[in-house]
Amino acid sequence: MKRFLTPRNILILVVVVVAFFVIKNQLRTTPEVLVTGSKGGECPVHGIRLRLDTVPIVVQLNEPDSLTAAQARATFPLSNDSFYILQWFKDDEHKNLSKAEVWYCSACREAKII
């Protein structure tokens, strides 16, 4: 037993225990950016290749007017300057999220600004 309690062995044990907890915390942390799962492609209106961007998540309390929504879909359907959700996530996994990855069309974003 005395051979096991050498300073060298105690130091190794402490390093292993600390490394275990550090690795455990690294694996447990959730990303702060929501990956939406959508894939790139081309804009159906402008024919431009979509780009990946990180945008804020916005809770949309009421649905937009149908005429405004139809006009937006026709003019700039993939501007994606915000990621809209109807209610905030209720689980602990998503509580720290504030941004989402989206694919956007640069021409759609310019058309939305104008």
PDB file of N, CA and C in Angstrom:
ATOM      1  N   MET A   1       0.814  -1.188   0.000  1.00  0.00           N
ATOM      2  CA  MET A   1       0.000   0.000   0.000  1.00  0.00           C
ATOM      3  C   MET A   1       0.859   1.253   0.000  1.00  0.00           C
ATOM      4  N   LYS A   2       1.985   1.213   0.718  1.00  0.00           N
ATOM      5  CA  LYS A   2       2.850   2.379   0.767  1.00  0.00           C
ATOM      6  C   LYS A   2       3.433   2.684  -0.611  1.00  0.00           C
ATOM      7  N   ARG A   3       3.610   1.670  -1.419  1.00  0.00           N
ATOM      8  CA  ARG A   3       4.183   1.898  -2.756  1.00  0.00           C
ATOM      9  C   ARG A   3       3.201   2.668  -3.635  1.00  0.00           C
ATOM     10  N   PHE A   4       1.924   2.513  -3.372  1.00  0.00           N
ATOM     11  CA  PHE A   4       0.916   3.192  -4.184  1.00  0.00           C
ATOM     12  C   PHE A   4       0.785   4.672  -3.818  1.00  0.00           C
ATOM     13  N   LEU A   5       0.980   5.034  -2.578  1.00  0.00           N
ATOM     14  CA  LEU A   5       0.784   6.403  -2.119  1.00  0.00           C
ATOM     15  C   LEU A   5       2.030   7.270  -2.281  1.00  0.00           C
ATOM     16  N   THR A   6       2.739   7.097  -3.329  1.00  0.00           N
ATOM     17  CA  THR A   6       3.894   7.963  -3.593  1.00  0.00           C
ATOM     18  C   THR A   6       3.387   9.282  -4.171  1.00  0.00           C
ATOM     19  N   PRO A   7       4.148  10.355  -4.016  1.00  0.00           N
ATOM     20  CA  PRO A   7       3.719  11.646  -4.560  1.00  0.00           C
ATOM     21  C   PRO A   7       3.457  11.583  -6.079  1.00  0.00           C
ATOM     22  N   ARG A   8       4.232  10.810  -6.766  1.00  0.00           N
ATOM     23  CA  ARG A   8       4.070  10.696  -8.226  1.00  0.00           C
ATOM     24  C   ARG A   8       2.705  10.082  -8.558  1.00  0.00           C
ATOM     25  N   ASN A   9       2.322   9.008  -7.880  1.00  0.00           N
ATOM     26  CA  ASN A   9       1.046   8.347  -8.134  1.00  0.00           C
ATOM     27  C   ASN A   9      -0.146   9.225  -7.734  1.00  0.00           C
ATOM     28  N   ILE A  10      -0.003   9.955  -6.649  1.00  0.00           N
ATOM     29  CA  ILE A  10      -1.071  10.858  -6.218  1.00  0.00           C
ATOM     30  C   ILE A  10      -1.257  11.972  -7.244  1.00  0.00           C
ATOM     31  N   LEU A  11      -0.167  12.503  -7.767  1.00  0.00           N
ATOM     32  CA  LEU A  11      -0.227  13.543  -8.788  1.00  0.00           C
ATOM     33  C   LEU A  11      -0.901  13.020 -10.063  1.00  0.00           C
ATOM     34  N   ILE A  12      -0.568  11.823 -10.463  1.00  0.00           N
ATOM     35  CA  ILE A  12      -1.187  11.221 -11.645  1.00  0.00           C
ATOM     36  C   ILE A  12      -2.694  11.056 -11.424  1.00  0.00           C
ATOM     37  N   LEU A  13      -3.079  10.606 -10.266  1.00  0.00           N
ATOM     38  CA  LEU A  13      -4.491  10.424  -9.949  1.00  0.00           C
ATOM     39  C   LEU A  13      -5.244  11.757  -9.997  1.00  0.00           C
ATOM     40  N   VAL A  14      -4.648  12.796  -9.433  1.00  0.00           N
ATOM     41  CA  VAL A  14      -5.277  14.124  -9.443  1.00  0.00           C
ATOM     42  C   VAL A  14      -5.433  14.628 -10.877  1.00  0.00           C
ATOM     43  N   VAL A  15      -4.408  14.456 -11.695  1.00  0.00           N
ATOM     44  CA  VAL A  15      -4.472  14.904 -13.089  1.00  0.00           C
ATOM     45  C   VAL A  15      -5.570  14.153 -13.847  1.00  0.00           C
ATOM     46  N   VAL A  16      -5.686  12.868 -13.641  1.00  0.00           N
ATOM     47  CA  VAL A  16      -6.713  12.069 -14.318  1.00  0.00           C
ATOM     48  C   VAL A  16      -8.113  12.522 -13.897  1.00  0.00           C
ATOM     49  N   VAL A  17      -8.323  12.767 -12.604  1.00  0.00           N
ATOM     50  CA  VAL A  17      -9.632  13.201 -12.120  1.00  0.00           C
ATOM     51  C   VAL A  17      -9.985  14.583 -12.678  1.00  0.00           C
ATOM     52  N   VAL A  18      -9.049  15.503 -12.664  1.00  0.00           N
ATOM     53  CA  VAL A  18      -9.294  16.839 -13.211  1.00  0.00           C
ATOM     54  C   VAL A  18      -9.578  16.758 -14.708  1.00  0.00           C
ATOM     55  N   ALA A  19      -8.817  15.968 -15.436  1.00  0.00           N
ATOM     56  CA  ALA A  19      -9.028  15.815 -16.875  1.00  0.00           C
ATOM     57  C   ALA A  19     -10.411  15.239 -17.156  1.00  0.00           C
ATOM     58  N   PHE A  20     -10.858  14.295 -16.354  1.00  0.00           N
ATOM     59  CA  PHE A  20     -12.185  13.711 -16.528  1.00  0.00           C
ATOM     60  C   PHE A  20     -13.263  14.780 -16.439  1.00  0.00           C
ATOM     61  N   PHE A  21     -13.202  15.642 -15.416  1.00  0.00           N
ATOM     62  CA  PHE A  21     -14.229  16.658 -15.252  1.00  0.00           C
ATOM     63  C   PHE A  21     -14.144  17.745 -16.330  1.00  0.00           C
ATOM     64  N   VAL A  22     -12.963  18.087 -16.765  1.00  0.00           N
ATOM     65  CA  VAL A  22     -12.814  19.073 -17.840  1.00  0.00           C
ATOM     66  C   VAL A  22     -13.422  18.537 -19.133  1.00  0.00           C
ATOM     67  N   ILE A  23     -13.119  17.300 -19.475  1.00  0.00           N
ATOM     68  CA  ILE A  23     -13.656  16.696 -20.695  1.00  0.00           C
ATOM     69  C   ILE A  23     -15.173  16.540 -20.587  1.00  0.00           C
ATOM     70  N   LYS A  24     -15.657  16.170 -19.425  1.00  0.00           N
ATOM     71  CA  LYS A  24     -17.097  16.018 -19.219  1.00  0.00           C
ATOM     72  C   LYS A  24     -17.817  17.347 -19.440  1.00  0.00           C
ATOM     73  N   ASN A  25     -17.277  18.443 -18.931  1.00  0.00           N
ATOM     74  CA  ASN A  25     -17.889  19.761 -19.130  1.00  0.00           C
ATOM     75  C   ASN A  25     -17.833  20.195 -20.581  1.00  0.00           C
ATOM     76  N   GLN A  26     -16.746  19.873 -21.288  1.00  0.00           N
ATOM     77  CA  GLN A  26     -16.637  20.234 -22.699  1.00  0.00           C
ATOM     78  C   GLN A  26     -17.671  19.494 -23.532  1.00  0.00           C
ATOM     79  N   LEU A  27     -17.939  18.251 -23.218  1.00  0.00           N
ATOM     80  CA  LEU A  27     -18.904  17.471 -23.980  1.00  0.00           C
ATOM     81  C   LEU A  27     -20.336  17.866 -23.654  1.00  0.00           C
ATOM     82  N   ARG A  28     -20.576  18.333 -22.463  1.00  0.00           N
ATOM     83  CA  ARG A  28     -21.928  18.649 -22.021  1.00  0.00           C
ATOM     84  C   ARG A  28     -22.420  19.997 -22.522  1.00  0.00           C
ATOM     85  N   THR A  29     -21.547  20.947 -22.786  1.00  0.00           N
ATOM     86  CA  THR A  29     -21.984  22.268 -23.188  1.00  0.00           C
ATOM     87  C   THR A  29     -22.685  22.204 -24.539  1.00  0.00           C
ATOM     88  N   THR A  30     -23.742  22.981 -24.657  1.00  0.00           N
ATOM     89  CA  THR A  30     -24.489  23.025 -25.899  1.00  0.00           C
ATOM     90  C   THR A  30     -24.037  24.220 -26.715  1.00  0.00           C
ATOM     91  N   PRO A  31     -24.132  24.138 -28.012  1.00  0.00           N
ATOM     92  CA  PRO A  31     -23.723  25.274 -28.827  1.00  0.00           C
ATOM     93  C   PRO A  31     -24.681  26.446 -28.630  1.00  0.00           C
ATOM     94  N   GLU A  32     -24.187  27.651 -28.813  1.00  0.00           N
ATOM     95  CA  GLU A  32     -25.014  28.840 -28.661  1.00  0.00           C
ATOM     96  C   GLU A  32     -25.643  29.253 -29.981  1.00  0.00           C
ATOM     97  N   VAL A  33     -25.399  28.464 -31.033  1.00  0.00           N
ATOM     98  CA  VAL A  33     -25.970  28.749 -32.343  1.00  0.00           C
ATOM     99  C   VAL A  33     -26.824  27.566 -32.764  1.00  0.00           C
ATOM    100  N   LEU A  34     -28.078  27.838 -33.128  1.00  0.00           N
ATOM    101  CA  LEU A  34     -28.985  26.792 -33.585  1.00  0.00           C
ATOM    102  C   LEU A  34     -28.668  26.443 -35.032  1.00  0.00           C
ATOM    103  N   VAL A  35     -28.394  25.176 -35.295  1.00  0.00           N
ATOM    104  CA  VAL A  35     -28.159  24.718 -36.659  1.00  0.00           C
ATOM    105  C   VAL A  35     -29.503  24.245 -37.189  1.00  0.00           C
ATOM    106  N   THR A  36     -30.009  24.918 -38.220  1.00  0.00           N
ATOM    107  CA  THR A  36     -31.374  24.672 -38.679  1.00  0.00           C
ATOM    108  C   THR A  36     -31.514  23.417 -39.515  1.00  0.00           C
ATOM    109  N   GLY A  37     -30.437  22.926 -40.082  1.00  0.00           N
ATOM    110  CA  GLY A  37     -30.505  21.703 -40.857  1.00  0.00           C
ATOM    111  C   GLY A  37     -30.825  21.914 -42.318  1.00  0.00           C
ATOM    112  N   SER A  38     -31.187  23.136 -42.687  1.00  0.00           N
ATOM    113  CA  SER A  38     -31.466  23.377 -44.100  1.00  0.00           C
ATOM    114  C   SER A  38     -30.152  23.403 -44.875  1.00  0.00           C
ATOM    115  N   LYS A  39     -30.246  23.172 -46.172  1.00  0.00           N
ATOM    116  CA  LYS A  39     -29.055  23.131 -47.006  1.00  0.00           C
ATOM    117  C   LYS A  39     -29.097  24.254 -48.016  1.00  0.00           C
ATOM    118  N   GLY A  40     -27.934  24.603 -48.520  1.00  0.00           N
ATOM    119  CA  GLY A  40     -27.840  25.663 -49.513  1.00  0.00           C
ATOM    120  C   GLY A  40     -28.491  25.267 -50.817  1.00  0.00           C
ATOM    121  N   GLY A  41     -28.377  26.121 -51.772  1.00  0.00           N
ATOM    122  CA  GLY A  41     -28.966  25.898 -53.093  1.00  0.00           C
ATOM    123  C   GLY A  41     -28.956  27.209 -53.842  1.00  0.00           C
ATOM    124  N   GLU A  42     -30.003  27.440 -54.601  1.00  0.00           N
ATOM    125  CA  GLU A  42     -30.135  28.691 -55.339  1.00  0.00           C
ATOM    126  C   GLU A  42     -31.447  29.367 -54.977  1.00  0.00           C
ATOM    127  N   CYS A  43     -31.445  30.678 -55.064  1.00  0.00           N
ATOM    128  CA  CYS A  43     -32.650  31.456 -54.819  1.00  0.00           C
ATOM    129  C   CYS A  43     -33.597  31.250 -56.006  1.00  0.00           C
ATOM    130  N   PRO A  44     -34.874  30.934 -55.739  1.00  0.00           N
ATOM    131  CA  PRO A  44     -35.805  30.721 -56.847  1.00  0.00           C
ATOM    132  C   PRO A  44     -36.145  31.995 -57.609  1.00  0.00           C
ATOM    133  N   VAL A  45     -35.980  33.148 -56.989  1.00  0.00           N
ATOM    134  CA  VAL A  45     -36.299  34.419 -57.645  1.00  0.00           C
ATOM    135  C   VAL A  45     -35.101  34.966 -58.409  1.00  0.00           C
ATOM    136  N   HIS A  46     -33.925  34.970 -57.781  1.00  0.00           N
ATOM    137  CA  HIS A  46     -32.751  35.608 -58.364  1.00  0.00           C
ATOM    138  C   HIS A  46     -31.759  34.640 -59.003  1.00  0.00           C
ATOM    139  N   GLY A  47     -31.866  33.355 -58.703  1.00  0.00           N
ATOM    140  CA  GLY A  47     -30.952  32.374 -59.270  1.00  0.00           C
ATOM    141  C   GLY A  47     -29.532  32.469 -58.734  1.00  0.00           C
ATOM    142  N   ILE A  48     -29.372  33.092 -57.577  1.00  0.00           N
ATOM    143  CA  ILE A  48     -28.054  33.281 -56.951  1.00  0.00           C
ATOM    144  C   ILE A  48     -27.827  32.160 -55.947  1.00  0.00           C
ATOM    145  N   ARG A  49     -26.579  31.705 -55.855  1.00  0.00           N
ATOM    146  CA  ARG A  49     -26.227  30.671 -54.875  1.00  0.00           C
ATOM    147  C   ARG A  49     -26.376  31.233 -53.466  1.00  0.00           C
ATOM    148  N   LEU A  50     -26.988  30.447 -52.577  1.00  0.00           N
ATOM    149  CA  LEU A  50     -27.224  30.895 -51.206  1.00  0.00           C
ATOM    150  C   LEU A  50     -25.942  30.867 -50.392  1.00  0.00           C
ATOM    151  N   ARG A  51     -25.861  31.765 -49.402  1.00  0.00           N
ATOM    152  CA  ARG A  51     -24.711  31.851 -48.499  1.00  0.00           C
ATOM    153  C   ARG A  51     -25.159  31.538 -47.077  1.00  0.00           C
ATOM    154  N   LEU A  52     -24.221  31.075 -46.263  1.00  0.00           N
ATOM    155  CA  LEU A  52     -24.510  30.734 -44.870  1.00  0.00           C
ATOM    156  C   LEU A  52     -24.204  31.936 -43.979  1.00  0.00           C
ATOM    157  N   ASP A  53     -25.100  32.215 -43.035  1.00  0.00           N
ATOM    158  CA  ASP A  53     -24.918  33.346 -42.130  1.00  0.00           C
ATOM    159  C   ASP A  53     -25.477  32.971 -40.752  1.00  0.00           C
ATOM    160  N   THR A  54     -25.060  33.702 -39.734  1.00  0.00           N
ATOM    161  CA  THR A  54     -25.585  33.534 -38.386  1.00  0.00           C
ATOM    162  C   THR A  54     -26.401  34.771 -38.056  1.00  0.00           C
ATOM    163  N   VAL A  55     -27.674  34.574 -37.711  1.00  0.00           N
ATOM    164  CA  VAL A  55     -28.600  35.684 -37.469  1.00  0.00           C
ATOM    165  C   VAL A  55     -29.265  35.522 -36.103  1.00  0.00           C
ATOM    166  N   PRO A  56     -29.829  36.608 -35.558  1.00  0.00           N
ATOM    167  CA  PRO A  56     -30.506  36.497 -34.257  1.00  0.00           C
ATOM    168  C   PRO A  56     -31.818  35.723 -34.360  1.00  0.00           C
ATOM    169  N   ILE A  57     -32.183  35.047 -33.266  1.00  0.00           N
ATOM    170  CA  ILE A  57     -33.472  34.369 -33.177  1.00  0.00           C
ATOM    171  C   ILE A  57     -34.484  35.369 -32.629  1.00  0.00           C
ATOM    172  N   VAL A  58     -35.632  35.484 -33.308  1.00  0.00           N
ATOM    173  CA  VAL A  58     -36.666  36.440 -32.922  1.00  0.00           C
ATOM    174  C   VAL A  58     -37.967  35.681 -32.690  1.00  0.00           C
ATOM    175  N   VAL A  59     -38.626  35.953 -31.559  1.00  0.00           N
ATOM    176  CA  VAL A  59     -39.927  35.357 -31.287  1.00  0.00           C
ATOM    177  C   VAL A  59     -40.978  36.252 -31.933  1.00  0.00           C
ATOM    178  N   GLN A  60     -41.743  35.674 -32.851  1.00  0.00           N
ATOM    179  CA  GLN A  60     -42.770  36.426 -33.575  1.00  0.00           C
ATOM    180  C   GLN A  60     -44.109  36.146 -32.906  1.00  0.00           C
ATOM    181  N   LEU A  61     -44.649  37.146 -32.214  1.00  0.00           N
ATOM    182  CA  LEU A  61     -45.843  36.942 -31.411  1.00  0.00           C
ATOM    183  C   LEU A  61     -47.109  36.781 -32.248  1.00  0.00           C
ATOM    184  N   ASN A  62     -47.190  37.468 -33.367  1.00  0.00           N
ATOM    185  CA  ASN A  62     -48.367  37.321 -34.220  1.00  0.00           C
ATOM    186  C   ASN A  62     -47.918  37.135 -35.668  1.00  0.00           C
ATOM    187  N   GLU A  63     -48.752  36.472 -36.439  1.00  0.00           N
ATOM    188  CA  GLU A  63     -48.413  36.212 -37.826  1.00  0.00           C
ATOM    189  C   GLU A  63     -48.591  37.487 -38.642  1.00  0.00           C
ATOM    190  N   PRO A  64     -47.720  37.672 -39.661  1.00  0.00           N
ATOM    191  CA  PRO A  64     -47.842  38.889 -40.464  1.00  0.00           C
ATOM    192  C   PRO A  64     -49.099  38.858 -41.324  1.00  0.00           C
ATOM    193  N   ASP A  65     -49.508  40.006 -41.755  1.00  0.00           N
ATOM    194  CA  ASP A  65     -50.658  40.159 -42.647  1.00  0.00           C
ATOM    195  C   ASP A  65     -50.410  39.345 -43.919  1.00  0.00           C
ATOM    196  N   SER A  66     -51.408  38.657 -44.428  1.00  0.00           N
ATOM    197  CA  SER A  66     -51.223  37.734 -45.551  1.00  0.00           C
ATOM    198  C   SER A  66     -50.773  38.444 -46.824  1.00  0.00           C
ATOM    199  N   LEU A  67     -51.220  39.677 -47.049  1.00  0.00           N
ATOM    200  CA  LEU A  67     -50.800  40.429 -48.238  1.00  0.00           C
ATOM    201  C   LEU A  67     -49.315  40.770 -48.149  1.00  0.00           C
ATOM    202  N   THR A  68     -48.873  41.202 -46.982  1.00  0.00           N
ATOM    203  CA  THR A  68     -47.458  41.523 -46.775  1.00  0.00           C
ATOM    204  C   THR A  68     -46.599  40.273 -46.928  1.00  0.00           C
ATOM    205  N   ALA A  69     -47.047  39.160 -46.370  1.00  0.00           N
ATOM    206  CA  ALA A  69     -46.297  37.910 -46.457  1.00  0.00           C
ATOM    207  C   ALA A  69     -46.199  37.431 -47.907  1.00  0.00           C
ATOM    208  N   ALA A  70     -47.282  37.543 -48.670  1.00  0.00           N
ATOM    209  CA  ALA A  70     -47.273  37.137 -50.082  1.00  0.00           C
ATOM    210  C   ALA A  70     -46.330  38.005 -50.898  1.00  0.00           C
ATOM    211  N   GLN A  71     -46.328  39.298 -50.621  1.00  0.00           N
ATOM    212  CA  GLN A  71     -45.436  40.204 -51.335  1.00  0.00           C
ATOM    213  C   GLN A  71     -43.977  39.906 -50.981  1.00  0.00           C
ATOM    214  N   ALA A  72     -43.706  39.623 -49.727  1.00  0.00           N
ATOM    215  CA  ALA A  72     -42.342  39.303 -49.302  1.00  0.00           C
ATOM    216  C   ALA A  72     -41.866  38.010 -49.962  1.00  0.00           C
ATOM    217  N   ARG A  73     -42.742  36.987 -50.048  1.00  0.00           N
ATOM    218  CA  ARG A  73     -42.359  35.728 -50.694  1.00  0.00           C
ATOM    219  C   ARG A  73     -42.065  35.926 -52.174  1.00  0.00           C
ATOM    220  N   ALA A  74     -42.759  36.843 -52.811  1.00  0.00           N
ATOM    221  CA  ALA A  74     -42.553  37.082 -54.246  1.00  0.00           C
ATOM    222  C   ALA A  74     -41.313  37.921 -54.511  1.00  0.00           C
ATOM    223  N   THR A  75     -41.023  38.876 -53.641  1.00  0.00           N
ATOM    224  CA  THR A  75     -39.933  39.821 -53.880  1.00  0.00           C
ATOM    225  C   THR A  75     -38.610  39.379 -53.274  1.00  0.00           C
ATOM    226  N   PHE A  76     -38.623  38.968 -52.015  1.00  0.00           N
ATOM    227  CA  PHE A  76     -37.384  38.572 -51.321  1.00  0.00           C
ATOM    228  C   PHE A  76     -37.639  37.380 -50.405  1.00  0.00           C
ATOM    229  N   PRO A  77     -37.876  36.192 -50.980  1.00  0.00           N
ATOM    230  CA  PRO A  77     -38.237  35.028 -50.158  1.00  0.00           C
ATOM    231  C   PRO A  77     -37.117  34.505 -49.267  1.00  0.00           C
ATOM    232  N   LEU A  78     -35.874  34.714 -49.636  1.00  0.00           N
ATOM    233  CA  LEU A  78     -34.761  34.143 -48.863  1.00  0.00           C
ATOM    234  C   LEU A  78     -33.834  35.214 -48.300  1.00  0.00           C
ATOM    235  N   SER A  79     -34.414  36.319 -47.810  1.00  0.00           N
ATOM    236  CA  SER A  79     -33.552  37.342 -47.206  1.00  0.00           C
ATOM    237  C   SER A  79     -32.993  36.831 -45.880  1.00  0.00           C
ATOM    238  N   ASN A  80     -33.813  36.121 -45.111  1.00  0.00           N
ATOM    239  CA  ASN A  80     -33.397  35.452 -43.874  1.00  0.00           C
ATOM    240  C   ASN A  80     -32.448  36.289 -43.024  1.00  0.00           C
ATOM    241  N   ASP A  81     -32.861  37.510 -42.676  1.00  0.00           N
ATOM    242  CA  ASP A  81     -32.031  38.357 -41.821  1.00  0.00           C
ATOM    243  C   ASP A  81     -32.284  38.093 -40.341  1.00  0.00           C
ATOM    244  N   SER A  82     -33.311  37.309 -40.042  1.00  0.00           N
ATOM    245  CA  SER A  82     -33.613  36.857 -38.682  1.00  0.00           C
ATOM    246  C   SER A  82     -34.217  35.462 -38.779  1.00  0.00           C
ATOM    247  N   PHE A  83     -34.133  34.711 -37.684  1.00  0.00           N
ATOM    248  CA  PHE A  83     -34.744  33.394 -37.626  1.00  0.00           C
ATOM    249  C   PHE A  83     -35.956  33.522 -36.725  1.00  0.00           C
ATOM    250  N   TYR A  84     -37.153  33.435 -37.314  1.00  0.00           N
ATOM    251  CA  TYR A  84     -38.395  33.650 -36.573  1.00  0.00           C
ATOM    252  C   TYR A  84     -38.946  32.335 -36.023  1.00  0.00           C
ATOM    253  N   ILE A  85     -39.360  32.374 -34.748  1.00  0.00           N
ATOM    254  CA  ILE A  85     -40.049  31.244 -34.137  1.00  0.00           C
ATOM    255  C   ILE A  85     -41.304  31.784 -33.456  1.00  0.00           C
ATOM    256  N   LEU A  86     -42.317  30.936 -33.280  1.00  0.00           N
ATOM    257  CA  LEU A  86     -43.573  31.388 -32.684  1.00  0.00           C
ATOM    258  C   LEU A  86     -43.539  31.402 -31.157  1.00  0.00           C
ATOM    259  N   GLN A  87     -42.760  30.506 -30.550  1.00  0.00           N
ATOM    260  CA  GLN A  87     -42.572  30.540 -29.098  1.00  0.00           C
ATOM    261  C   GLN A  87     -41.180  30.021 -28.777  1.00  0.00           C
ATOM    262  N   TRP A  88     -40.667  30.463 -27.650  1.00  0.00           N
ATOM    263  CA  TRP A  88     -39.302  30.106 -27.275  1.00  0.00           C
ATOM    264  C   TRP A  88     -39.241  28.632 -26.891  1.00  0.00           C
ATOM    265  N   PHE A  89     -38.075  28.036 -27.044  1.00  0.00           N
ATOM    266  CA  PHE A  89     -37.862  26.636 -26.713  1.00  0.00           C
ATOM    267  C   PHE A  89     -38.092  26.417 -25.216  1.00  0.00           C
ATOM    268  N   LYS A  90     -38.724  25.295 -24.859  1.00  0.00           N
ATOM    269  CA  LYS A  90     -39.035  25.026 -23.452  1.00  0.00           C
ATOM    270  C   LYS A  90     -38.046  24.082 -22.788  1.00  0.00           C
ATOM    271  N   ASP A  91     -37.138  23.506 -23.554  1.00  0.00           N
ATOM    272  CA  ASP A  91     -36.197  22.545 -22.968  1.00  0.00           C
ATOM    273  C   ASP A  91     -34.901  23.230 -22.546  1.00  0.00           C
ATOM    274  N   ASP A  92     -34.154  22.555 -21.684  1.00  0.00           N
ATOM    275  CA  ASP A  92     -32.896  23.115 -21.176  1.00  0.00           C
ATOM    276  C   ASP A  92     -31.812  23.136 -22.240  1.00  0.00           C
ATOM    277  N   GLU A  93     -31.907  22.272 -23.220  1.00  0.00           N
ATOM    278  CA  GLU A  93     -30.872  22.186 -24.250  1.00  0.00           C
ATOM    279  C   GLU A  93     -30.767  23.470 -25.071  1.00  0.00           C
ATOM    280  N   HIS A  94     -31.884  24.155 -25.273  1.00  0.00           N
ATOM    281  CA  HIS A  94     -31.906  25.335 -26.128  1.00  0.00           C
ATOM    282  C   HIS A  94     -31.997  26.652 -25.359  1.00  0.00           C
ATOM    283  N   LYS A  95     -31.878  26.628 -24.050  1.00  0.00           N
ATOM    284  CA  LYS A  95     -32.097  27.852 -23.267  1.00  0.00           C
ATOM    285  C   LYS A  95     -31.036  28.930 -23.505  1.00  0.00           C
ATOM    286  N   ASN A  96     -29.820  28.565 -23.928  1.00  0.00           N
ATOM    287  CA  ASN A  96     -28.765  29.549 -24.135  1.00  0.00           C
ATOM    288  C   ASN A  96     -28.662  30.024 -25.579  1.00  0.00           C
ATOM    289  N   LEU A  97     -29.567  29.594 -26.419  1.00  0.00           N
ATOM    290  CA  LEU A  97     -29.490  29.971 -27.828  1.00  0.00           C
ATOM    291  C   LEU A  97     -29.913  31.416 -28.035  1.00  0.00           C
ATOM    292  N   SER A  98     -29.188  32.112 -28.875  1.00  0.00           N
ATOM    293  CA  SER A  98     -29.578  33.471 -29.228  1.00  0.00           C
ATOM    294  C   SER A  98     -29.435  33.703 -30.735  1.00  0.00           C
ATOM    295  N   LYS A  99     -28.764  32.776 -31.419  1.00  0.00           N
ATOM    296  CA  LYS A  99     -28.542  32.929 -32.858  1.00  0.00           C
ATOM    297  C   LYS A  99     -28.798  31.615 -33.571  1.00  0.00           C
ATOM    298  N   ALA A 100     -29.043  31.718 -34.880  1.00  0.00           N
ATOM    299  CA  ALA A 100     -29.299  30.535 -35.698  1.00  0.00           C
ATOM    300  C   ALA A 100     -28.545  30.667 -37.016  1.00  0.00           C
ATOM    301  N   GLU A 101     -28.141  29.528 -37.566  1.00  0.00           N
ATOM    302  CA  GLU A 101     -27.512  29.515 -38.884  1.00  0.00           C
ATOM    303  C   GLU A 101     -28.608  29.438 -39.937  1.00  0.00           C
ATOM    304  N   VAL A 102     -28.521  30.300 -40.941  1.00  0.00           N
ATOM    305  CA  VAL A 102     -29.496  30.292 -42.035  1.00  0.00           C
ATOM    306  C   VAL A 102     -28.775  30.455 -43.369  1.00  0.00           C
ATOM    307  N   TRP A 103     -29.423  29.994 -44.427  1.00  0.00           N
ATOM    308  CA  TRP A 103     -28.942  30.219 -45.785  1.00  0.00           C
ATOM    309  C   TRP A 103     -29.725  31.399 -46.342  1.00  0.00           C
ATOM    310  N   TYR A 104     -29.019  32.336 -46.979  1.00  0.00           N
ATOM    311  CA  TYR A 104     -29.695  33.534 -47.471  1.00  0.00           C
ATOM    312  C   TYR A 104     -29.219  33.887 -48.875  1.00  0.00           C
ATOM    313  N   CYS A 105     -30.033  34.683 -49.546  1.00  0.00           N
ATOM    314  CA  CYS A 105     -29.709  35.212 -50.867  1.00  0.00           C
ATOM    315  C   CYS A 105     -29.333  36.685 -50.695  1.00  0.00           C
ATOM    316  N   SER A 106     -28.179  37.078 -51.168  1.00  0.00           N
ATOM    317  CA  SER A 106     -27.740  38.467 -50.986  1.00  0.00           C
ATOM    318  C   SER A 106     -28.645  39.447 -51.740  1.00  0.00           C
ATOM    319  N   ALA A 107     -29.156  39.060 -52.901  1.00  0.00           N
ATOM    320  CA  ALA A 107     -30.064  39.932 -53.657  1.00  0.00           C
ATOM    321  C   ALA A 107     -31.402  40.103 -52.923  1.00  0.00           C
ATOM    322  N   CYS A 108     -31.872  39.054 -52.264  1.00  0.00           N
ATOM    323  CA  CYS A 108     -33.107  39.152 -51.472  1.00  0.00           C
ATOM    324  C   CYS A 108     -32.911  40.108 -50.309  1.00  0.00           C
ATOM    325  N   ARG A 109     -31.772  40.055 -49.657  1.00  0.00           N
ATOM    326  CA  ARG A 109     -31.517  40.981 -48.540  1.00  0.00           C
ATOM    327  C   ARG A 109     -31.471  42.415 -49.030  1.00  0.00           C
ATOM    328  N   GLU A 110     -30.846  42.638 -50.173  1.00  0.00           N
ATOM    329  CA  GLU A 110     -30.806  44.006 -50.723  1.00  0.00           C
ATOM    330  C   GLU A 110     -32.209  44.484 -51.086  1.00  0.00           C
ATOM    331  N   ALA A 111     -33.036  43.611 -51.658  1.00  0.00           N
ATOM    332  CA  ALA A 111     -34.395  43.980 -52.030  1.00  0.00           C
ATOM    333  C   ALA A 111     -35.243  44.284 -50.788  1.00  0.00           C
ATOM    334  N   LYS A 112     -34.998  43.603 -49.703  1.00  0.00           N
ATOM    335  CA  LYS A 112     -35.761  43.836 -48.478  1.00  0.00           C
ATOM    336  C   LYS A 112     -35.416  45.191 -47.868  1.00  0.00           C
ATOM    337  N   ILE A 113     -34.162  45.579 -47.959  1.00  0.00           N
ATOM    338  CA  ILE A 113     -33.726  46.859 -47.377  1.00  0.00           C
ATOM    339  C   ILE A 113     -34.333  48.028 -48.152  1.00  0.00           C
ATOM    340  N   ILE A 114     -34.420  47.889 -49.445  1.00  0.00           N
ATOM    341  CA  ILE A 114     -34.916  48.998 -50.297  1.00  0.00           C
ATOM    342  C   ILE A 114     -36.377  49.228 -50.152  1.00  0.00           C
TER     343      ILE A 114
END
